Amino acid sequence: MDDNESSSAWNTGQSAQEQGLEYVLDAYHVALGDRPSLCPDKADVPLIDLGGLWKDPARRSAVVKDIAKACCRFGFFQIVNHGICQTVMDEALHAASSFFDLPTQEKMKYMSNDVHKPVRYATSLKDGIDKTQFWRVFLKHYAHPLERWMGQWPENPPHYREKMGKFCAQARKVTVDLMEAIMEGLGLGPLYLTSKMEAGMQVMAVNCYPPCPNPEMALGQPPHYDHTCLTIVLQSSPGLQIMDPVDCTWKSVPKIPGALQVHVGDHLEALSNGLYKSVVHRAVLNSERTRFSIASLELVGAQGKKYRGSSFRDFLNFLATQDIGEGRSFISTLKINQ
């Protein structure tokens, strides 16, 4: 299949990664300077035990300080004792895997390039339009409140709604608890965002990264910032990399059993007036196995003295006009000239 044929194939949901091609099409080649190392250094990111937030009042202040330090240093950390049992996480990953194993015709029911759709299956930001394509397929859907959105999620596989719904609800609780600790660390009080969190959005990004024949030539996702307050990520295997803000090199995030990854997003950077930095990250590939990740993206309106306010719709309108490979960040559009 040549690149012209592959462009038309994107319209039918038959992208190179879905077909399992044994070579990487030119449209997937990233620039030489952006190609990933197959043996990157590991990121020495904080691992925070959240048990102290609830079980031991004497430890709460220390945990709050650890979270604040991680938000300043990396904009990223991992958490354990977060309250989500391993069974719930495993079943969510299995539900994701089962969806992507469905026949193409079934997944095509949700295929769309419209970033405003509340349930959307795609293989790139704008399939067949972006200059550079990425070796990923994904399903995105709104998740809060569950009773409003779950009925629009895929009916197949039959257990998808139940298993993914449990993880969504518990991931949101973790996010709310973390945001209370983060607000406390900023001196704003733990309940500063409570009402906005309740009125905010939760979007689930369910990602599938099939084996890539040349993982050193392509990416699953390009370097980007999240437009969220916080993003909570569950991954089935390593593949997440973050940009170290000190030496500006890519570091691989190790997979720790039972741990979840936490990303500071653009809205929290705005709220903290730049004290906490939205972390730059990307997804790399491997040639041996399919990798899955489930990201819970929590969005609320946030504004600081150095940043103008924004909404989720503002971000979607921004996204609809961008090429995902160009790397322009949403946060850059919010900065107020001082």
Protein backbone atom coordinates (compact mmCIF):
# COMPACT_ATOMS: atom_id res chain seq x y z
CA MET A 1 0.00 0.00 0.00
CA ASP A 2 1.42 3.42 -0.94
CA ASP A 3 0.70 6.66 0.96
CA ASN A 4 -2.16 7.68 -1.36
CA GLU A 5 -3.87 4.36 -0.75
CA SER A 6 -3.31 4.68 2.99
CA SER A 7 -4.95 8.14 3.00
CA SER A 8 -8.16 6.71 1.60
CA ALA A 9 -7.91 3.78 3.99
CA TRP A 10 -8.03 6.15 6.96
CA ASN A 11 -11.56 7.05 5.89
CA THR A 12 -12.63 3.44 6.40
CA GLY A 13 -10.89 2.90 9.71
CA GLN A 14 -8.21 0.73 8.09
CA SER A 15 -5.10 2.64 9.09
CA ALA A 16 -1.60 1.15 8.92
CA GLN A 17 -1.55 0.42 12.64
CA GLU A 18 -4.98 -1.23 12.55
CA GLN A 19 -3.93 -3.45 9.67
CA GLY A 20 -0.68 -4.41 11.36
CA LEU A 21 1.52 -3.51 8.39
CA GLU A 22 5.05 -4.85 8.52
CA TYR A 23 6.57 -1.50 7.56
CA VAL A 24 6.05 2.13 8.54
CA LEU A 25 4.53 4.39 5.88
CA ASP A 26 6.18 7.74 5.18
CA ALA A 27 3.21 9.55 6.71
CA TYR A 28 4.17 8.12 10.11
CA HIS A 29 7.87 9.07 10.00
CA VAL A 30 8.73 11.72 12.59
CA ALA A 31 11.56 14.16 11.98
CA LEU A 32 15.03 12.77 12.64
CA GLY A 33 15.60 15.04 15.64
CA ASP A 34 12.32 13.91 17.23
CA ARG A 35 12.80 10.17 16.88
CA PRO A 36 12.79 8.25 20.15
CA SER A 37 15.68 6.33 21.64
CA LEU A 38 14.98 2.64 22.16
CA CYS A 39 17.06 2.73 25.38
CA PRO A 40 16.13 5.99 27.14
CA ASP A 41 17.12 6.93 30.67
CA LYS A 42 14.49 6.30 33.33
CA ALA A 43 12.80 9.30 34.88
CA ASP A 44 13.49 9.67 38.58
CA VAL A 45 9.99 10.93 39.32
CA PRO A 46 8.40 11.07 42.77
CA LEU A 47 6.36 8.12 43.97
CA ILE A 48 3.81 9.40 46.50
CA ASP A 49 1.88 7.24 48.95
CA LEU A 50 -1.59 8.78 49.19
CA GLY A 51 -2.48 6.70 52.23
CA GLY A 52 -1.30 9.54 54.45
CA LEU A 53 -3.96 11.88 53.06
CA TRP A 54 -6.73 9.92 54.77
CA LYS A 55 -5.37 7.37 57.22
CA ASP A 56 -2.98 9.50 59.24
CA PRO A 57 -3.80 13.19 59.88
CA ALA A 58 -0.28 13.71 61.19
CA ARG A 59 1.14 12.68 57.81
CA ARG A 60 -1.26 14.72 55.68
CA SER A 61 0.82 17.90 55.71
CA ALA A 62 3.92 15.95 54.63
CA VAL A 63 2.03 14.33 51.74
CA VAL A 64 0.62 17.73 50.68
CA LYS A 65 4.18 19.12 50.63
CA ASP A 66 5.44 16.15 48.60
CA ILE A 67 2.67 16.69 46.02
CA ALA A 68 3.45 20.43 45.83
CA LYS A 69 7.16 19.71 45.33
CA ALA A 70 6.41 17.20 42.55
CA CYS A 71 4.09 19.69 40.78
CA CYS A 72 6.85 22.31 40.86
CA ARG A 73 9.73 20.06 39.86
CA PHE A 74 8.29 17.82 37.14
CA GLY A 75 4.59 18.58 36.80
CA PHE A 76 4.34 14.81 37.11
CA PHE A 77 4.37 12.09 39.77
CA GLN A 78 3.18 8.54 40.41
CA ILE A 79 0.81 7.50 43.19
CA VAL A 80 0.18 4.33 45.18
CA ASN A 81 -2.40 3.55 47.87
CA HIS A 82 -4.78 5.70 45.83
CA GLY A 83 -7.87 3.67 46.68
CA ILE A 84 -8.51 1.94 43.32
CA CYS A 85 -8.15 -1.82 43.68
CA GLN A 86 -6.11 -3.81 41.19
CA THR A 87 -9.18 -5.72 39.99
CA VAL A 88 -10.94 -2.52 38.91
CA MET A 89 -7.84 -1.38 37.01
CA ASP A 90 -7.29 -4.76 35.36
CA GLU A 91 -10.95 -5.00 34.29
CA ALA A 92 -10.84 -1.49 32.80
CA LEU A 93 -7.77 -2.41 30.74
CA HIS A 94 -9.48 -5.63 29.65
CA ALA A 95 -12.59 -3.66 28.61
CA ALA A 96 -10.34 -1.38 26.54
CA SER A 97 -8.58 -4.33 24.92
CA SER A 98 -11.92 -5.98 24.14
CA PHE A 99 -13.23 -2.84 22.43
CA PHE A 100 -10.21 -2.54 20.16
CA ASP A 101 -10.50 -6.26 19.30
CA LEU A 102 -13.98 -5.68 17.86
CA PRO A 103 -14.49 -5.92 14.08
CA THR A 104 -13.75 -2.68 12.25
CA GLN A 105 -17.40 -2.26 11.27
CA GLU A 106 -18.41 -2.17 14.94
CA LYS A 107 -15.78 0.43 15.87
CA MET A 108 -16.67 2.51 12.82
CA LYS A 109 -20.01 3.37 14.44
CA TYR A 110 -18.04 5.87 16.52
CA MET A 111 -15.52 7.01 13.88
CA SER A 112 -15.34 10.80 13.58
CA ASN A 113 -12.94 13.69 12.97
CA ASP A 114 -15.23 16.04 14.92
CA VAL A 115 -13.34 16.78 18.15
CA HIS A 116 -16.56 18.10 19.73
CA LYS A 117 -18.31 14.72 19.68
CA PRO A 118 -18.88 13.26 23.18
CA VAL A 119 -17.96 9.74 21.95
CA ARG A 120 -15.33 9.41 19.23
CA TYR A 121 -13.16 6.66 17.75
CA ALA A 122 -10.22 7.68 15.59
CA THR A 123 -6.64 6.86 14.65
CA SER A 124 -5.27 10.40 14.71
CA LEU A 125 -6.45 13.86 15.70
CA LYS A 126 -7.88 14.35 12.21
CA ASP A 127 -7.55 11.12 10.24
CA GLY A 128 -6.03 11.52 6.79
CA ILE A 129 -5.66 15.29 7.30
CA ASP A 130 -2.79 15.75 9.78
CA LYS A 131 0.59 16.06 8.07
CA THR A 132 2.09 13.44 10.36
CA GLN A 133 0.13 10.41 11.51
CA PHE A 134 0.74 8.57 14.76
CA TRP A 135 0.72 4.86 15.56
CA ARG A 136 -2.35 4.86 17.80
CA VAL A 137 -6.06 4.17 17.80
CA PHE A 138 -8.25 5.65 20.49
CA LEU A 139 -11.73 5.99 21.90
CA LYS A 140 -12.62 9.20 23.74
CA HIS A 141 -15.82 9.72 25.68
CA TYR A 142 -17.23 12.04 28.31
CA ALA A 143 -17.66 10.48 31.74
CA HIS A 144 -19.00 13.00 34.27
CA PRO A 145 -21.70 12.80 35.31
CA LEU A 146 -21.80 9.08 34.47
CA GLU A 147 -25.59 8.88 34.35
CA ARG A 148 -25.63 11.52 31.62
CA TRP A 149 -22.97 10.06 29.34
CA MET A 150 -22.67 6.31 29.91
CA GLY A 151 -25.69 5.55 27.73
CA GLN A 152 -23.76 6.95 24.73
CA TRP A 153 -20.72 4.73 25.28
CA PRO A 154 -20.21 1.62 23.15
CA GLU A 155 -22.68 -1.18 23.83
CA ASN A 156 -20.06 -3.71 22.71
CA PRO A 157 -18.25 -5.39 24.26
CA PRO A 158 -21.20 -6.00 26.64
CA HIS A 159 -19.15 -5.40 29.79
CA TYR A 160 -17.51 -2.18 28.57
CA ARG A 161 -19.85 0.29 30.25
CA GLU A 162 -19.83 -1.48 33.60
CA LYS A 163 -16.07 -2.09 33.84
CA MET A 164 -14.96 1.25 32.41
CA GLY A 165 -17.63 3.05 34.43
CA LYS A 166 -16.24 1.69 37.71
CA PHE A 167 -12.76 2.91 36.85
CA CYS A 168 -14.04 6.31 35.71
CA ALA A 169 -15.92 6.90 38.96
CA GLN A 170 -13.00 5.86 41.14
CA ALA A 171 -10.42 7.77 39.07
CA ARG A 172 -12.53 10.89 39.47
CA LYS A 173 -12.61 10.44 43.24
CA VAL A 174 -8.81 10.20 43.26
CA THR A 175 -8.63 13.38 41.18
CA VAL A 176 -10.92 15.26 43.56
CA ASP A 177 -8.82 14.15 46.55
CA LEU A 178 -5.61 15.18 44.78
CA MET A 179 -7.03 18.56 43.81
CA GLU A 180 -7.98 19.21 47.44
CA ALA A 181 -4.39 18.45 48.47
CA ILE A 182 -3.01 20.61 45.66
CA MET A 183 -5.24 23.56 46.57
CA GLU A 184 -4.14 23.16 50.18
CA GLY A 185 -0.52 23.21 49.06
CA LEU A 186 -1.14 26.45 47.16
CA GLY A 187 -2.59 28.03 50.30
CA LEU A 188 -6.05 28.32 48.75
CA GLY A 189 -7.79 25.85 51.05
CA PRO A 190 -8.76 22.26 50.13
CA LEU A 191 -12.32 23.19 49.09
CA TYR A 192 -11.31 26.06 46.80
CA LEU A 193 -12.32 24.21 43.61
CA THR A 194 -15.00 21.89 45.02
CA SER A 195 -17.97 23.50 43.26
CA LYS A 196 -16.06 23.90 39.99
CA MET A 197 -14.94 20.29 40.10
CA GLU A 198 -18.54 19.13 40.47
CA ALA A 199 -19.56 21.26 37.50
CA GLY A 200 -16.48 20.31 35.48
CA MET A 201 -15.84 17.71 32.79
CA GLN A 202 -14.23 14.30 32.92
CA VAL A 203 -13.10 12.94 29.57
CA MET A 204 -11.70 9.44 29.17
CA ALA A 205 -9.03 8.82 26.53
CA VAL A 206 -8.76 5.06 25.96
CA ASN A 207 -5.63 4.45 23.89
CA CYS A 208 -4.34 1.44 21.96
CA TYR A 209 -0.78 1.34 20.61
CA PRO A 210 -0.35 -1.74 18.37
CA PRO A 211 3.13 -3.23 17.81
CA CYS A 212 5.14 -1.08 15.41
CA PRO A 213 7.66 -2.73 13.05
CA ASN A 214 10.05 0.25 13.38
CA PRO A 215 9.39 1.89 16.76
CA GLU A 216 12.45 4.11 16.38
CA MET A 217 10.87 5.86 13.36
CA ALA A 218 7.38 6.69 14.68
CA LEU A 219 5.50 7.77 17.79
CA GLY A 220 2.25 6.78 19.41
CA GLN A 221 1.62 10.38 20.40
CA PRO A 222 3.80 13.43 19.72
CA PRO A 223 5.13 15.73 22.45
CA HIS A 224 2.17 17.59 23.94
CA TYR A 225 0.71 19.19 27.04
CA ASP A 226 -2.62 18.18 28.52
CA HIS A 227 -5.32 20.83 28.57
CA THR A 228 -6.61 19.59 31.92
CA CYS A 229 -6.29 20.49 35.56
CA LEU A 230 -5.07 16.97 36.24
CA THR A 231 -4.75 13.81 34.18
CA ILE A 232 -4.71 10.40 35.85
CA VAL A 233 -3.21 7.63 33.68
CA LEU A 234 -3.36 3.85 33.95
CA GLN A 235 -0.98 2.05 31.57
CA SER A 236 -0.66 -1.65 30.80
CA SER A 237 3.07 -1.49 30.07
CA PRO A 238 5.87 1.12 29.77
CA GLY A 239 5.69 3.59 26.90
CA LEU A 240 5.10 6.97 28.52
CA GLN A 241 7.94 9.49 28.37
CA ILE A 242 8.20 12.94 29.94
CA MET A 243 10.52 15.83 29.15
CA ASP A 244 12.85 16.46 32.08
CA PRO A 245 12.53 20.22 32.72
CA VAL A 246 16.11 20.44 34.05
CA ASP A 247 18.16 18.91 31.22
CA CYS A 248 15.41 18.93 28.53
CA THR A 249 15.89 15.26 27.69
CA TRP A 250 13.26 12.57 27.28
CA LYS A 251 12.97 10.15 30.20
CA SER A 252 11.00 6.92 30.33
CA VAL A 253 8.42 6.57 33.10
CA PRO A 254 8.83 3.19 34.80
CA LYS A 255 5.75 1.05 35.33
CA ILE A 256 5.30 0.40 39.03
CA PRO A 257 2.77 -2.31 39.94
CA GLY A 258 -0.47 -0.75 41.16
CA ALA A 259 0.67 2.81 40.52
CA LEU A 260 -1.11 5.53 38.54
CA GLN A 261 0.56 8.44 36.78
CA VAL A 262 -0.50 12.03 37.48
CA HIS A 263 0.06 14.88 34.98
CA VAL A 264 -0.24 18.58 35.78
CA GLY A 265 -2.25 20.17 32.95
CA ASP A 266 -2.61 23.63 31.45
CA HIS A 267 -5.49 24.69 33.69
CA LEU A 268 -3.55 23.96 36.86
CA GLU A 269 -0.55 25.85 35.49
CA ALA A 270 -2.85 28.82 34.89
CA LEU A 271 -4.42 28.54 38.34
CA SER A 272 -1.02 28.43 40.05
CA ASN A 273 0.23 31.41 37.99
CA GLY A 274 2.95 29.25 36.48
CA LEU A 275 4.27 27.84 39.77
CA TYR A 276 3.17 24.36 38.67
CA LYS A 277 4.14 23.51 35.10
CA SER A 278 2.12 21.52 32.62
CA VAL A 279 4.32 18.53 31.77
CA VAL A 280 5.43 17.77 28.19
CA HIS A 281 4.99 14.08 27.42
CA ARG A 282 4.74 11.63 24.53
CA ALA A 283 3.96 7.97 23.87
CA VAL A 284 6.62 5.72 22.35
CA LEU A 285 6.16 2.33 20.73
CA ASN A 286 7.52 -1.18 20.77
CA SER A 287 7.65 -3.97 18.21
CA GLU A 288 6.52 -6.83 20.42
CA ARG A 289 3.21 -6.11 22.14
CA THR A 290 0.15 -3.90 22.13
CA ARG A 291 0.15 -1.24 24.84
CA PHE A 292 -3.02 0.22 26.35
CA SER A 293 -3.49 3.31 28.45
CA ILE A 294 -6.55 4.89 30.01
CA ALA A 295 -6.36 8.59 30.81
CA SER A 296 -8.91 10.35 32.98
CA LEU A 297 -8.81 14.01 32.01
CA GLU A 298 -10.36 16.38 34.55
CA LEU A 299 -11.31 19.81 33.24
CA VAL A 300 -12.53 22.88 35.09
CA GLY A 301 -12.39 26.57 34.26
CA ALA A 302 -9.23 28.05 35.77
CA GLN A 303 -7.68 31.50 35.66
CA GLY A 304 -4.65 33.14 37.24
CA LYS A 305 -3.21 36.64 37.14
CA LYS A 306 -0.84 35.70 34.33
CA TYR A 307 -3.38 33.68 32.33
CA ARG A 308 -6.82 34.39 30.97
CA GLY A 309 -9.71 32.07 31.71
CA SER A 310 -10.75 29.31 29.33
CA SER A 311 -13.30 26.55 28.95
CA PHE A 312 -13.27 23.02 27.56
CA ARG A 313 -15.02 24.30 24.43
CA ASP A 314 -12.22 26.86 23.98
CA PHE A 315 -9.75 24.00 23.95
CA LEU A 316 -11.80 21.92 21.49
CA ASN A 317 -12.03 24.90 19.14
CA PHE A 318 -8.24 25.29 19.40
CA LEU A 319 -7.73 21.57 18.77
CA ALA A 320 -9.93 21.61 15.68
CA THR A 321 -7.60 24.12 13.99
CA GLN A 322 -4.29 22.45 14.87
CA ASP A 323 -2.07 19.81 13.34
CA ILE A 324 -1.20 17.52 16.26
CA GLY A 325 2.39 17.17 15.07
CA GLU A 326 3.13 20.89 15.16
CA GLY A 327 3.49 20.98 18.94
CA ARG A 328 1.84 24.34 19.66
CA SER A 329 0.47 24.31 23.21
CA PHE A 330 -2.93 25.54 24.32
CA ILE A 331 -1.38 27.16 27.42
CA SER A 332 0.61 29.51 25.17
CA THR A 333 -2.66 31.01 23.94
CA LEU A 334 -3.79 31.80 27.50
CA LYS A 335 -0.79 33.83 28.67
CA ILE A 336 -1.48 37.49 29.34
CA ASN A 337 1.30 39.84 28.28
CA GLN A 338 2.82 41.31 31.42
